[in-house]
Each structure stands twice: as C-alpha cells, then as structure tokens.
Amino acid sequence: MTNRYAVVLAAGQGTRMKSKLYKVLHPVLGRPMVQHVVQQLKPLHLNKIVTIVGFGAEKVKETLEGESEFALQEEQLGTGHAVMQAEPLLKGKKGTTIVVCGDTPLITSTTFEALITFHEKEGAGATILTAQTDDPTGYGRVIRNGQGEVERIVEHKDASEDELLVQEINTGTYCFDNEALFAALEEVSNDNAQGEYYLPDVIEILRNKGKKVSAYMTPDFEETLGVNDRVALAKAEKIMKRRINEGHLRNGVSIIDPDHTYIEPEVIIEADAVIHPGTILKGSTVIKANAEIGPNSEIENCLIGENSVVQHSVARNSKIGQRVNIGPFAHIRPDSAIGNDTKIGNFVEIKKTVMGNGSKASHLTYLGDANIGENVNVGCGTITVNYDGYKKYTTTIEDDAFIGCNSNLIAPVTIGKGSYVAAGSTITKDVPEDALSVARARQENKEGYAKKIKNRKRK
C-alpha cells in the first residue's frame, strides 16, 4: 500500500471572525473545526499528519495533542508558503500527501478516501477536490482545456471576466505525489495581487513538468464549505447538526423535532430512545434504549440508563441508572451517581451525591456531598448543610431512612438505617438505627394573643 501523509493548514488568524479565538478553534457542535478535520482524516490510516500552526499555535497544539505533528508558519505568506513549513517532516518521502484546510469541518472521511483513491488510480502528480456551485464568488476557479483536462487554478481576485463565469471551484483540498509537491513548491512565485505564495500555483508547475493533473468532483458542494466568518460558522453548525441528527434517526432514535435538537458528535444514543425538542446532548453522553430526554433538557458527559426520563432539567458529569425519573427543573451536578428506580423531582439539586436504588427526593431539596442508601425518602425542603465556609463535609443517610420535610442535616452527620427525622428538624448529631429524631422547639400556643396584637395596631 502506498504511504499516505496529510498536511492540515491551520495557521491563519481569521480576522473576519472578529474574535479573540483563533479561527480553526471555533467550535462546530462543540468540537473545534480543526479537530473535526483531523478526526475525519484518521480513518485513512495515514503514516503522518502534520498541522501547520501560526496564530494561536500553542492552543492549536493543545487541542490536537497526540493526534498530529506540527510545523510553525511564523509569517502568513500564503497557502504554498504554509505547506513549505512541512518540508523538514515530509520532503523526500515517497507516497501521497493530502492537503486540507483546517476551516473545512464538514468534509467526511468518505470524501477524503474517494479523493485519494481516485488520485492514486489516476497516477497523477496532483488531484484537486472540486465542486460545482451556482455562486462561485470568492472561490478559486478550476480552468480546463478543450479536452477537459485541468490546466490551472485561478484565484477569484486574479480571475478574468471569462474565468469568473466558471462554476467549478477549487475546494482547497488536494492530493499530491509527495516528492513532486515539494519540488514544485521551490518554484512557486509570489507575483500576484496579494504578494503571496499560492498552493494552487503548484498545479500549473506540475503540468508544465509533464505531470498528470486530475480533478475529483465531489457531488456534495455543501460538504466543502470553508468557514471564514460567523455567518459561515452558523451555516456549518446547522449542516453538521442535521447530519448527526439524521444519523441517529436512521439508527432507530426518535427525535421529535430535529431542527431544534442539538447533539454533539461523540454522543451515543441507543435505539428506541426518544429525544424531545429543545434538548442539548453534549460531550461523551450515552443515552440507553427507551430513555426519554426533554423537552428542554441539557445533558453533558452523562450516562442515562434504560427507560429513564429527564424532563426540563440539567445533568452534567454523572451516572443515572435505569427507570429513573428526573425533573421537571432538576439539576444533577457533577460526580453524582443516581441508582435505579429513583426519583429526582422538581427544583431538586444534586451535587457529588450517591443515591441508592429506589430512593426519592420529590421536590425543593438540596443534596450535596451525600451518600444516600436504598429506599430513602427525602422530604420537601431538605438540605444537606455541607459547607462551613472552609471545607465540604459528607452527609450519610442509610437504607430505608425517612427524612421529614424542611429538615437541615448539618454535616458531617449520619442518619441510621430505618430511622425517622421529624419534619422541621435541624440535625447536628448522628441518628441511631430505627430511631426517631426530633430537633425543633416545642410548640406553644398563647390563647387570644393574636387578638391583642390586632387591637394594639388599631390604636
């Protein structure tokens, strides 16, 4: 098999984005654009990926750490100059090099593979990934001769009136014979309107040297979208969202309103799960079969078990078991583990808490830094008082305990197995197993006193 290499162009600042964040790091569905590109290159089994960095070099390196090698373009003098920076890592190697822009997050591995396969089958010195569009404004035009062969690529700003009418555009992705590429780069001139070294000039140089230049036209122009401003970024986000949602639909997931459902690329959803409108699924979230999420729920880096329901709620970095009911308006904060057959009701907040099977906190409760056993009932208004201003402390509630409404459990404290805490109690000491703990002032009724108060106010 022929050796394969990739060069990813990611050195530009992206001034049209009007952002302090470097262009290729702008996310599309939660993943930086350049990372989308590298992820789609991986299935090609490349010998080496070289990313050309410039503006924001350290942040780009951090994003792609372990996935690519890097070459620095200190001055941004054009795409040809950018590829030249990979010379120490690639010059002299036999094989095929694919060059792709870091701001084209929608190109798929299928298209990359088709391009390389076509290039190698043609035995070409260079192959251009092209596309047809009704509005080629801003794109380089692919100029062919009378026999349909590629003669050159001309940038929009350098094109003549006749050339501007051409609708076949250069997508900015190429395949080259690696040795021929670096030999031709030595001859590229910056004699053009921008004073830059254009990578497309390599095409004409190779053709003049007798090398075959071919073009592979992708049928999906939309896939080749380059993101240069916020308008294009929003368009890419919309296309990527539609692509991912359609993939889940075809795999047996019910997405009630795909246009208003946001699912990031790494999310896994099993068949027969139901996703309602307004749902946001992020990170490495896994939704098991027959779970029901939404409407208007945000889940990030969570495992949601089979047959569980999450409505109008937020959950992050937690594990949620089977047949769990969460919400509406609950908040599952990081490092929580919710057991099977539990209930987390409206306006309940859970933080760094383990909740055993069959337990429930139905409403208006805060449970932080708690270990809660099985079949525990946590009454409305209960708070685990876990913070003294300096440290966090743990509350333990053992199996089958019953916590009455409006109770304050002052950590560190343990509520024993099968015990009861009376409503309105403030618990500061451990409660023994099977005990009833009452920690509130004795009620006193003063007969007729309210009437005296009213009379006093009238005077």
Protein backbone atom coordinates (compact mmCIF):
# COMPACT_ATOMS: atom_id res chain seq x y z
CA MET A 1 0.00 0.00 0.00
CA THR A 2 1.21 3.50 -0.86
CA ASN A 3 2.41 5.65 2.03
CA ARG A 4 -0.05 8.38 2.89
CA TYR A 5 0.52 11.72 4.61
CA ALA A 6 -1.65 14.71 5.45
CA VAL A 7 -0.95 18.43 5.84
CA VAL A 8 -3.60 20.43 7.69
CA LEU A 9 -3.47 24.21 7.15
CA ALA A 10 -4.32 25.87 10.47
CA ALA A 11 -2.05 28.91 10.76
CA GLY A 12 -4.44 31.76 9.92
CA GLN A 13 -5.84 34.15 12.48
CA GLY A 14 -9.22 34.52 10.81
CA THR A 15 -9.75 38.28 11.11
CA ARG A 16 -13.21 38.06 9.56
CA MET A 17 -14.38 36.05 12.56
CA LYS A 18 -13.86 39.22 14.65
CA SER A 19 -12.86 37.12 17.62
CA LYS A 20 -10.04 36.67 20.09
CA LEU A 21 -10.37 32.92 19.48
CA TYR A 22 -8.28 31.70 16.53
CA LYS A 23 -10.39 30.68 13.58
CA VAL A 24 -9.78 26.94 13.45
CA LEU A 25 -10.57 26.65 17.17
CA HIS A 26 -14.10 27.94 16.79
CA PRO A 27 -16.38 25.01 17.63
CA VAL A 28 -18.89 23.35 15.37
CA LEU A 29 -21.25 21.29 17.54
CA GLY A 30 -18.88 21.54 20.46
CA ARG A 31 -15.73 20.41 18.65
CA PRO A 32 -13.09 22.82 17.24
CA MET A 33 -13.18 22.97 13.44
CA VAL A 34 -9.63 21.73 13.04
CA GLN A 35 -10.36 18.75 15.26
CA HIS A 36 -13.28 17.79 13.02
CA VAL A 37 -10.84 17.76 10.09
CA VAL A 38 -8.26 15.61 11.89
CA GLN A 39 -10.94 13.20 13.13
CA GLN A 40 -12.10 12.65 9.53
CA LEU A 41 -8.51 12.09 8.36
CA LYS A 42 -7.85 9.34 10.92
CA PRO A 43 -9.74 6.55 9.12
CA LEU A 44 -7.38 6.97 6.13
CA HIS A 45 -4.59 5.17 8.06
CA LEU A 46 -2.07 7.92 7.38
CA ASN A 47 1.62 7.50 8.14
CA LYS A 48 1.80 11.07 9.42
CA ILE A 49 -0.43 14.10 9.97
CA VAL A 50 1.32 17.48 10.01
CA THR A 51 -0.65 20.52 11.14
CA ILE A 52 0.70 23.93 10.11
CA VAL A 53 0.25 26.34 13.01
CA GLY A 54 0.80 30.08 13.31
CA PHE A 55 -1.61 32.32 15.18
CA GLY A 56 -2.63 30.58 18.41
CA ALA A 57 -0.05 27.87 17.82
CA GLU A 58 0.08 26.68 21.42
CA LYS A 59 -3.70 26.43 21.73
CA VAL A 60 -3.98 24.53 18.44
CA LYS A 61 -1.24 22.15 19.59
CA GLU A 62 -3.05 21.65 22.86
CA THR A 63 -6.28 20.84 21.03
CA LEU A 64 -4.62 18.28 18.74
CA GLU A 65 -2.13 16.87 21.23
CA GLY A 66 -1.34 13.25 20.40
CA GLU A 67 -3.23 13.41 17.10
CA SER A 68 -0.77 15.32 14.90
CA GLU A 69 2.75 16.59 14.46
CA PHE A 70 3.24 20.32 13.97
CA ALA A 71 5.17 22.81 11.84
CA LEU A 72 5.23 26.55 12.54
CA GLN A 73 4.48 29.20 9.91
CA GLU A 74 5.88 32.32 11.57
CA GLU A 75 4.70 34.65 8.80
CA GLN A 76 1.43 34.06 6.94
CA LEU A 77 2.64 34.33 3.34
CA GLY A 78 0.07 32.14 1.64
CA THR A 79 -1.00 28.52 1.41
CA GLY A 80 2.03 27.48 -0.63
CA HIS A 81 4.34 29.00 1.97
CA ALA A 82 2.36 27.18 4.70
CA VAL A 83 2.90 23.77 3.10
CA MET A 84 6.60 24.56 2.69
CA GLN A 85 6.86 24.56 6.50
CA ALA A 86 6.17 20.81 6.49
CA GLU A 87 9.28 20.19 4.39
CA PRO A 88 11.50 19.02 7.29
CA LEU A 89 8.91 16.37 8.16
CA LEU A 90 7.85 15.21 4.68
CA LYS A 91 10.40 16.11 1.98
CA GLY A 92 11.92 13.09 0.24
CA LYS A 93 9.22 10.66 1.35
CA LYS A 94 7.53 8.58 -1.32
CA GLY A 95 3.75 8.42 -1.31
CA THR A 96 0.62 10.54 -1.42
CA THR A 97 0.06 13.72 0.55
CA ILE A 98 -3.40 15.15 1.08
CA VAL A 99 -3.54 18.87 1.88
CA VAL A 100 -6.69 20.12 3.62
CA CYS A 101 -7.73 23.37 5.27
CA GLY A 102 -8.40 23.40 9.00
CA ASP A 103 -11.52 25.53 8.47
CA THR A 104 -13.43 22.91 6.41
CA PRO A 105 -15.10 20.90 9.20
CA LEU A 106 -17.78 19.27 7.06
CA ILE A 107 -15.65 17.17 4.70
CA THR A 108 -16.09 13.50 5.58
CA SER A 109 -13.60 10.64 5.66
CA THR A 110 -15.60 9.07 2.80
CA THR A 111 -14.81 12.04 0.56
CA PHE A 112 -11.15 12.09 1.63
CA GLU A 113 -10.83 8.38 0.83
CA ALA A 114 -12.56 8.78 -2.53
CA LEU A 115 -10.18 11.63 -3.45
CA ILE A 116 -7.03 9.71 -2.52
CA THR A 117 -8.21 6.51 -4.22
CA PHE A 118 -9.01 8.44 -7.41
CA HIS A 119 -5.63 10.22 -7.28
CA GLU A 120 -3.66 7.00 -6.86
CA LYS A 121 -5.67 5.19 -9.54
CA GLU A 122 -5.02 8.04 -11.98
CA GLY A 123 -1.29 8.01 -11.22
CA ALA A 124 -1.50 11.81 -11.03
CA GLY A 125 1.08 14.25 -9.77
CA ALA A 126 -1.77 16.29 -8.34
CA THR A 127 -5.52 15.88 -7.91
CA ILE A 128 -7.86 18.70 -6.92
CA LEU A 129 -11.06 18.18 -4.97
CA THR A 130 -13.55 20.32 -6.88
CA ALA A 131 -17.25 21.07 -6.64
CA GLN A 132 -19.92 22.72 -8.76
CA THR A 133 -21.82 25.73 -7.41
CA ASP A 134 -24.23 28.28 -8.81
CA ASP A 135 -22.50 31.05 -6.85
CA PRO A 136 -18.71 30.63 -7.04
CA THR A 137 -17.97 34.09 -5.64
CA GLY A 138 -14.77 34.10 -3.61
CA TYR A 139 -13.61 30.66 -4.73
CA GLY A 140 -10.68 29.81 -6.96
CA ARG A 141 -11.84 28.64 -10.40
CA VAL A 142 -10.75 25.36 -11.98
CA ILE A 143 -9.72 26.11 -15.55
CA ARG A 144 -9.83 23.20 -18.01
CA ASN A 145 -8.69 22.95 -21.62
CA GLY A 146 -10.72 21.80 -24.62
CA GLN A 147 -10.09 18.16 -23.71
CA GLY A 148 -11.45 18.67 -20.20
CA GLU A 149 -8.03 18.43 -18.58
CA VAL A 150 -7.13 20.72 -15.68
CA GLU A 151 -4.75 23.45 -16.79
CA ARG A 152 -4.60 25.66 -13.72
CA ILE A 153 -6.48 27.19 -10.83
CA VAL A 154 -7.02 30.93 -10.72
CA GLU A 155 -7.96 32.80 -7.56
CA HIS A 156 -11.16 34.86 -7.67
CA LYS A 157 -9.30 38.17 -7.25
CA ASP A 158 -6.91 37.29 -10.09
CA ALA A 159 -9.53 35.87 -12.49
CA SER A 160 -10.50 37.45 -15.81
CA GLU A 161 -14.14 38.17 -16.69
CA ASP A 162 -14.44 34.88 -18.60
CA GLU A 163 -12.80 32.91 -15.78
CA LEU A 164 -15.21 34.39 -13.23
CA LEU A 165 -18.06 32.70 -15.13
CA VAL A 166 -16.64 29.24 -14.40
CA GLN A 167 -18.74 27.40 -11.79
CA GLU A 168 -16.35 24.56 -10.99
CA ILE A 169 -14.47 25.70 -7.90
CA ASN A 170 -11.39 24.66 -6.02
CA THR A 171 -12.37 23.44 -2.54
CA GLY A 172 -8.83 23.96 -1.19
CA THR A 173 -8.26 20.22 -0.71
CA TYR A 174 -5.64 18.45 -2.84
CA CYS A 175 -3.73 15.22 -3.26
CA PHE A 176 -0.12 15.29 -4.44
CA ASP A 177 2.69 12.97 -5.19
CA ASN A 178 4.70 13.98 -2.14
CA GLU A 179 8.11 14.25 -3.82
CA ALA A 180 6.64 16.20 -6.76
CA LEU A 181 4.85 18.56 -4.36
CA PHE A 182 7.96 19.74 -2.53
CA ALA A 183 9.96 20.00 -5.74
CA ALA A 184 7.27 22.23 -7.27
CA LEU A 185 6.95 24.41 -4.16
CA GLU A 186 10.51 25.59 -4.73
CA GLU A 187 9.32 27.21 -7.98
CA VAL A 188 6.20 28.95 -6.65
CA SER A 189 6.33 32.75 -7.04
CA ASN A 190 4.54 35.47 -5.12
CA ASP A 191 3.96 37.59 -8.24
CA ASN A 192 0.22 38.10 -7.74
CA ALA A 193 -2.28 40.61 -6.35
CA GLN A 194 -1.70 39.52 -2.76
CA GLY A 195 2.07 39.03 -2.93
CA GLU A 196 1.59 35.53 -1.52
CA TYR A 197 2.79 32.04 -2.41
CA TYR A 198 -0.31 30.23 -3.60
CA LEU A 199 -0.51 26.45 -3.29
CA PRO A 200 -2.73 26.25 -6.43
CA ASP A 201 0.25 27.51 -8.48
CA VAL A 202 1.78 24.08 -7.94
CA ILE A 203 -0.86 22.71 -10.31
CA GLU A 204 0.40 24.67 -13.32
CA ILE A 205 4.04 23.97 -12.40
CA LEU A 206 3.42 20.22 -12.28
CA ARG A 207 1.50 20.32 -15.55
CA ASN A 208 4.38 22.17 -17.24
CA LYS A 209 6.71 19.45 -15.99
CA GLY A 210 4.57 16.84 -17.73
CA LYS A 211 2.91 15.55 -14.57
CA LYS A 212 -0.70 14.49 -14.82
CA VAL A 213 -3.13 16.82 -13.08
CA SER A 214 -6.59 15.45 -12.41
CA ALA A 215 -9.69 16.60 -10.55
CA TYR A 216 -12.19 14.68 -8.46
CA MET A 217 -15.55 16.44 -8.25
CA THR A 218 -17.49 15.76 -5.08
CA PRO A 219 -21.27 15.64 -5.62
CA ASP A 220 -21.86 17.50 -2.33
CA PHE A 221 -20.77 21.13 -2.52
CA GLU A 222 -22.22 21.75 0.94
CA GLU A 223 -19.60 19.43 2.43
CA THR A 224 -16.76 21.62 1.18
CA LEU A 225 -17.91 24.78 2.99
CA GLY A 226 -14.99 26.82 4.25
CA VAL A 227 -15.67 28.82 7.42
CA ASN A 228 -14.29 32.36 7.24
CA ASP A 229 -16.83 34.32 9.29
CA ARG A 230 -19.62 33.89 11.81
CA VAL A 231 -22.25 33.53 9.09
CA ALA A 232 -20.45 30.53 7.60
CA LEU A 233 -19.83 29.16 11.10
CA ALA A 234 -23.56 29.19 11.85
CA LYS A 235 -24.24 27.53 8.50
CA ALA A 236 -21.67 24.80 9.21
CA GLU A 237 -23.22 24.23 12.63
CA LYS A 238 -26.65 23.81 11.07
CA ILE A 239 -25.39 21.37 8.44
CA MET A 240 -23.44 19.33 10.99
CA LYS A 241 -26.43 19.22 13.33
CA ARG A 242 -28.68 17.97 10.55
CA ARG A 243 -26.12 15.33 9.52
CA ILE A 244 -25.72 14.00 13.08
CA ASN A 245 -29.44 14.01 13.83
CA GLU A 246 -30.22 12.16 10.61
CA GLY A 247 -27.64 9.54 11.56
CA HIS A 248 -29.38 8.92 14.90
CA LEU A 249 -32.80 8.83 13.23
CA ARG A 250 -31.59 6.16 10.81
CA ASN A 251 -30.23 4.18 13.77
CA GLY A 252 -33.65 3.96 15.41
CA VAL A 253 -33.70 7.01 17.68
CA SER A 254 -36.88 9.10 17.77
CA ILE A 255 -36.00 12.80 17.52
CA ILE A 256 -39.32 14.61 17.65
CA ASP A 257 -38.05 17.90 16.19
CA PRO A 258 -34.55 17.55 14.65
CA ASP A 259 -34.38 21.25 13.80
CA HIS A 260 -34.50 22.11 17.50
CA THR A 261 -32.36 19.33 18.93
CA TYR A 262 -28.59 19.75 19.46
CA ILE A 263 -26.45 16.60 19.63
CA GLU A 264 -22.66 16.72 19.66
CA PRO A 265 -20.58 14.21 17.61
CA GLU A 266 -19.42 11.92 20.43
CA VAL A 267 -22.88 11.35 21.92
CA ILE A 268 -24.15 7.76 21.75
CA ILE A 269 -27.90 7.10 21.68
CA GLU A 270 -29.37 3.60 21.58
CA ALA A 271 -32.40 2.61 19.52
CA ASP A 272 -35.88 3.47 20.78
CA ALA A 273 -34.70 6.38 22.89
CA VAL A 274 -36.91 9.46 22.48
CA ILE A 275 -35.42 12.95 22.26
CA HIS A 276 -37.85 15.85 22.65
CA PRO A 277 -37.45 19.41 21.28
CA GLY A 278 -35.04 21.81 22.92
CA THR A 279 -32.74 19.04 24.12
CA ILE A 280 -28.95 19.59 24.16
CA LEU A 281 -26.74 16.48 24.39
CA LYS A 282 -23.03 17.20 24.81
CA GLY A 283 -19.65 15.56 25.26
CA SER A 284 -19.42 11.81 25.85
CA THR A 285 -23.05 11.38 26.87
CA VAL A 286 -24.61 7.92 26.45
CA ILE A 287 -28.40 7.56 26.29
CA LYS A 288 -29.59 3.96 26.71
CA ALA A 289 -32.55 2.29 24.99
CA ASN A 290 -36.07 3.54 25.70
CA ALA A 291 -34.85 6.54 27.69
CA GLU A 292 -36.80 9.76 27.18
CA ILE A 293 -34.96 13.08 27.24
CA GLY A 294 -36.57 16.50 27.21
CA PRO A 295 -38.19 18.69 26.30
CA ASN A 296 -35.68 21.43 27.09
CA SER A 297 -33.05 19.35 28.88
CA GLU A 298 -29.27 19.73 28.77
CA ILE A 299 -27.15 16.62 29.35
CA GLU A 300 -23.34 16.70 29.31
CA ASN A 301 -20.96 13.76 29.84
CA CYS A 302 -23.65 11.62 31.46
CA LEU A 303 -24.82 8.03 31.28
CA ILE A 304 -28.62 7.83 31.22
CA GLY A 305 -29.93 4.31 31.85
CA GLU A 306 -32.67 2.39 30.07
CA ASN A 307 -36.25 3.60 30.49
CA SER A 308 -35.21 6.72 32.39
CA VAL A 309 -36.90 10.09 31.87
CA VAL A 310 -35.27 13.52 32.14
CA GLN A 311 -37.63 16.49 31.66
CA HIS A 312 -36.76 20.21 31.66
CA SER A 313 -33.56 19.50 33.59
CA VAL A 314 -29.78 19.81 33.53
CA ALA A 315 -27.31 16.98 34.23
CA ARG A 316 -23.51 17.02 33.98
CA ASN A 317 -20.73 14.51 34.52
CA SER A 318 -22.93 11.98 36.32
CA LYS A 319 -24.33 8.46 36.05
CA ILE A 320 -28.07 7.95 36.10
CA GLY A 321 -29.50 4.45 36.39
CA GLN A 322 -32.49 2.65 34.90
CA ARG A 323 -36.13 3.66 35.31
CA VAL A 324 -35.18 6.97 36.90
CA ASN A 325 -37.49 9.99 36.76
CA ILE A 326 -35.77 13.38 36.81
CA GLY A 327 -37.49 16.75 36.70
CA PRO A 328 -39.04 18.93 35.75
CA PHE A 329 -36.49 21.61 36.68
CA ALA A 330 -33.95 19.40 38.45
CA HIS A 331 -30.18 19.96 38.43
CA ILE A 332 -27.78 17.00 38.58
CA ARG A 333 -24.34 18.47 39.17
CA PRO A 334 -21.01 16.68 38.55
CA ASP A 335 -19.86 13.47 40.24
CA SER A 336 -23.31 12.22 41.16
CA ALA A 337 -24.49 8.62 40.81
CA ILE A 338 -28.24 8.05 40.76
CA GLY A 339 -29.37 4.44 41.26
CA ASN A 340 -32.18 2.52 39.58
CA ASP A 341 -35.87 3.26 40.19
CA THR A 342 -35.17 6.61 41.83
CA LYS A 343 -36.97 9.93 41.58
CA ILE A 344 -35.41 13.39 41.49
CA GLY A 345 -38.33 15.79 41.31
CA ASN A 346 -38.92 19.45 40.56
CA PHE A 347 -36.45 22.00 41.90
CA VAL A 348 -34.14 19.35 43.37
CA GLU A 349 -30.39 19.92 43.15
CA ILE A 350 -27.95 17.01 43.50
CA LYS A 351 -24.18 17.56 43.80
CA LYS A 352 -21.46 14.94 44.26
CA THR A 353 -24.02 12.58 45.75
CA VAL A 354 -24.65 8.85 45.55
CA MET A 355 -28.34 7.96 45.64
CA GLY A 356 -29.24 4.30 46.07
CA ASN A 357 -31.88 2.25 44.28
CA GLY A 358 -35.48 3.14 45.00
CA SER A 359 -34.74 6.39 46.82
CA LYS A 360 -36.54 9.63 46.08
CA ALA A 361 -36.32 13.38 46.59
CA SER A 362 -39.50 14.64 45.04
CA HIS A 363 -39.22 18.43 45.34
CA LEU A 364 -37.43 21.54 46.60
CA THR A 365 -34.34 19.86 48.02
CA TYR A 366 -30.56 20.28 48.00
CA LEU A 367 -28.42 17.15 48.42
CA GLY A 368 -24.70 17.91 48.24
CA ASP A 369 -21.76 15.69 49.24
CA ALA A 370 -24.13 12.96 50.40
CA ASN A 371 -24.18 9.16 50.46
CA ILE A 372 -27.81 8.10 50.36
CA GLY A 373 -28.78 4.44 50.66
CA GLU A 374 -31.65 2.48 49.15
CA ASN A 375 -35.35 3.21 49.60
CA VAL A 376 -34.74 6.51 51.33
CA ASN A 377 -37.44 9.19 51.29
CA VAL A 378 -36.11 12.74 51.35
CA GLY A 379 -38.87 15.18 52.18
CA CYS A 380 -39.58 18.56 50.59
CA GLY A 381 -37.25 21.35 51.62
CA THR A 382 -34.49 19.10 52.96
CA ILE A 383 -30.93 20.45 52.85
CA THR A 384 -27.65 18.68 53.50
CA VAL A 385 -25.68 21.52 55.04
CA ASN A 386 -22.29 20.56 53.66
CA TYR A 387 -20.14 23.72 53.80
CA ASP A 388 -18.81 25.65 56.78
CA GLY A 389 -17.10 28.34 54.72
CA TYR A 390 -13.82 26.44 54.55
CA LYS A 391 -14.45 22.74 53.89
CA LYS A 392 -17.12 20.43 52.49
CA TYR A 393 -18.46 17.64 54.70
CA THR A 394 -20.38 14.43 53.98
CA THR A 395 -23.91 13.50 55.00
CA THR A 396 -24.73 9.78 55.14
CA ILE A 397 -28.34 8.59 55.01
CA GLU A 398 -28.59 4.81 55.36
CA ASP A 399 -31.14 2.44 53.80
CA ASP A 400 -34.87 2.86 54.48
CA ALA A 401 -34.48 6.15 56.35
CA PHE A 402 -37.24 8.77 56.19
CA ILE A 403 -36.34 12.45 56.21
CA GLY A 404 -39.26 14.73 57.04
CA CYS A 405 -39.95 17.98 55.22
CA ASN A 406 -37.91 21.10 55.87
CA SER A 407 -35.05 19.29 57.61
CA ASN A 408 -31.47 20.57 57.85
CA LEU A 409 -28.83 17.86 58.10
CA ILE A 410 -25.66 19.54 59.40
CA ALA A 411 -22.69 17.60 58.02
CA PRO A 412 -20.76 15.59 58.96
CA VAL A 413 -23.68 13.51 60.17
CA THR A 414 -25.11 10.01 59.72
CA ILE A 415 -28.80 9.14 59.66
CA GLY A 416 -29.05 5.47 60.62
CA LYS A 417 -30.82 2.67 58.80
CA GLY A 418 -34.59 2.74 59.09
CA SER A 419 -34.61 5.90 61.19
CA TYR A 420 -37.01 8.85 61.01
CA VAL A 421 -36.19 12.54 61.10
CA ALA A 422 -39.19 14.63 62.11
CA ALA A 423 -40.26 17.45 59.81
CA GLY A 424 -38.67 20.81 60.60
CA SER A 425 -35.68 19.31 62.42
CA THR A 426 -32.13 20.59 62.36
CA ILE A 427 -29.94 17.52 62.90
CA THR A 428 -26.43 18.10 64.28
CA LYS A 429 -25.74 14.66 65.78
CA ASP A 430 -25.85 11.15 64.35
CA VAL A 431 -29.25 9.45 64.43
CA PRO A 432 -29.16 5.78 65.55
CA GLU A 433 -30.70 2.96 63.51
CA ASP A 434 -34.53 2.78 63.74
CA ALA A 435 -34.66 5.93 65.94
CA LEU A 436 -36.98 8.91 65.66
CA SER A 437 -35.08 12.19 65.85
CA VAL A 438 -36.93 15.41 66.65
CA ALA A 439 -34.81 18.59 66.73
CA ARG A 440 -37.15 21.56 66.89
CA ALA A 441 -38.55 23.93 69.50
CA ARG A 442 -41.67 22.76 71.35
CA GLN A 443 -44.82 24.46 70.05
CA GLU A 444 -46.51 26.91 72.42
CA ASN A 445 -49.98 28.36 71.81
CA LYS A 446 -50.90 31.64 73.56
CA GLU A 447 -54.68 31.82 73.58
CA GLY A 448 -56.11 35.17 72.42
CA TYR A 449 -52.72 36.78 71.89
CA ALA A 450 -53.28 37.45 68.18
CA LYS A 451 -56.39 39.44 69.08
CA LYS A 452 -54.36 41.65 71.44
CA ILE A 453 -51.83 42.37 68.66
CA LYS A 454 -54.60 43.40 66.26
CA ASN A 455 -56.17 45.71 68.82
CA ARG A 456 -52.79 47.35 69.53
CA LYS A 457 -52.31 48.09 65.82
CA ARG A 458 -55.71 49.78 65.59
CA LYS A 459 -54.84 52.36 68.28
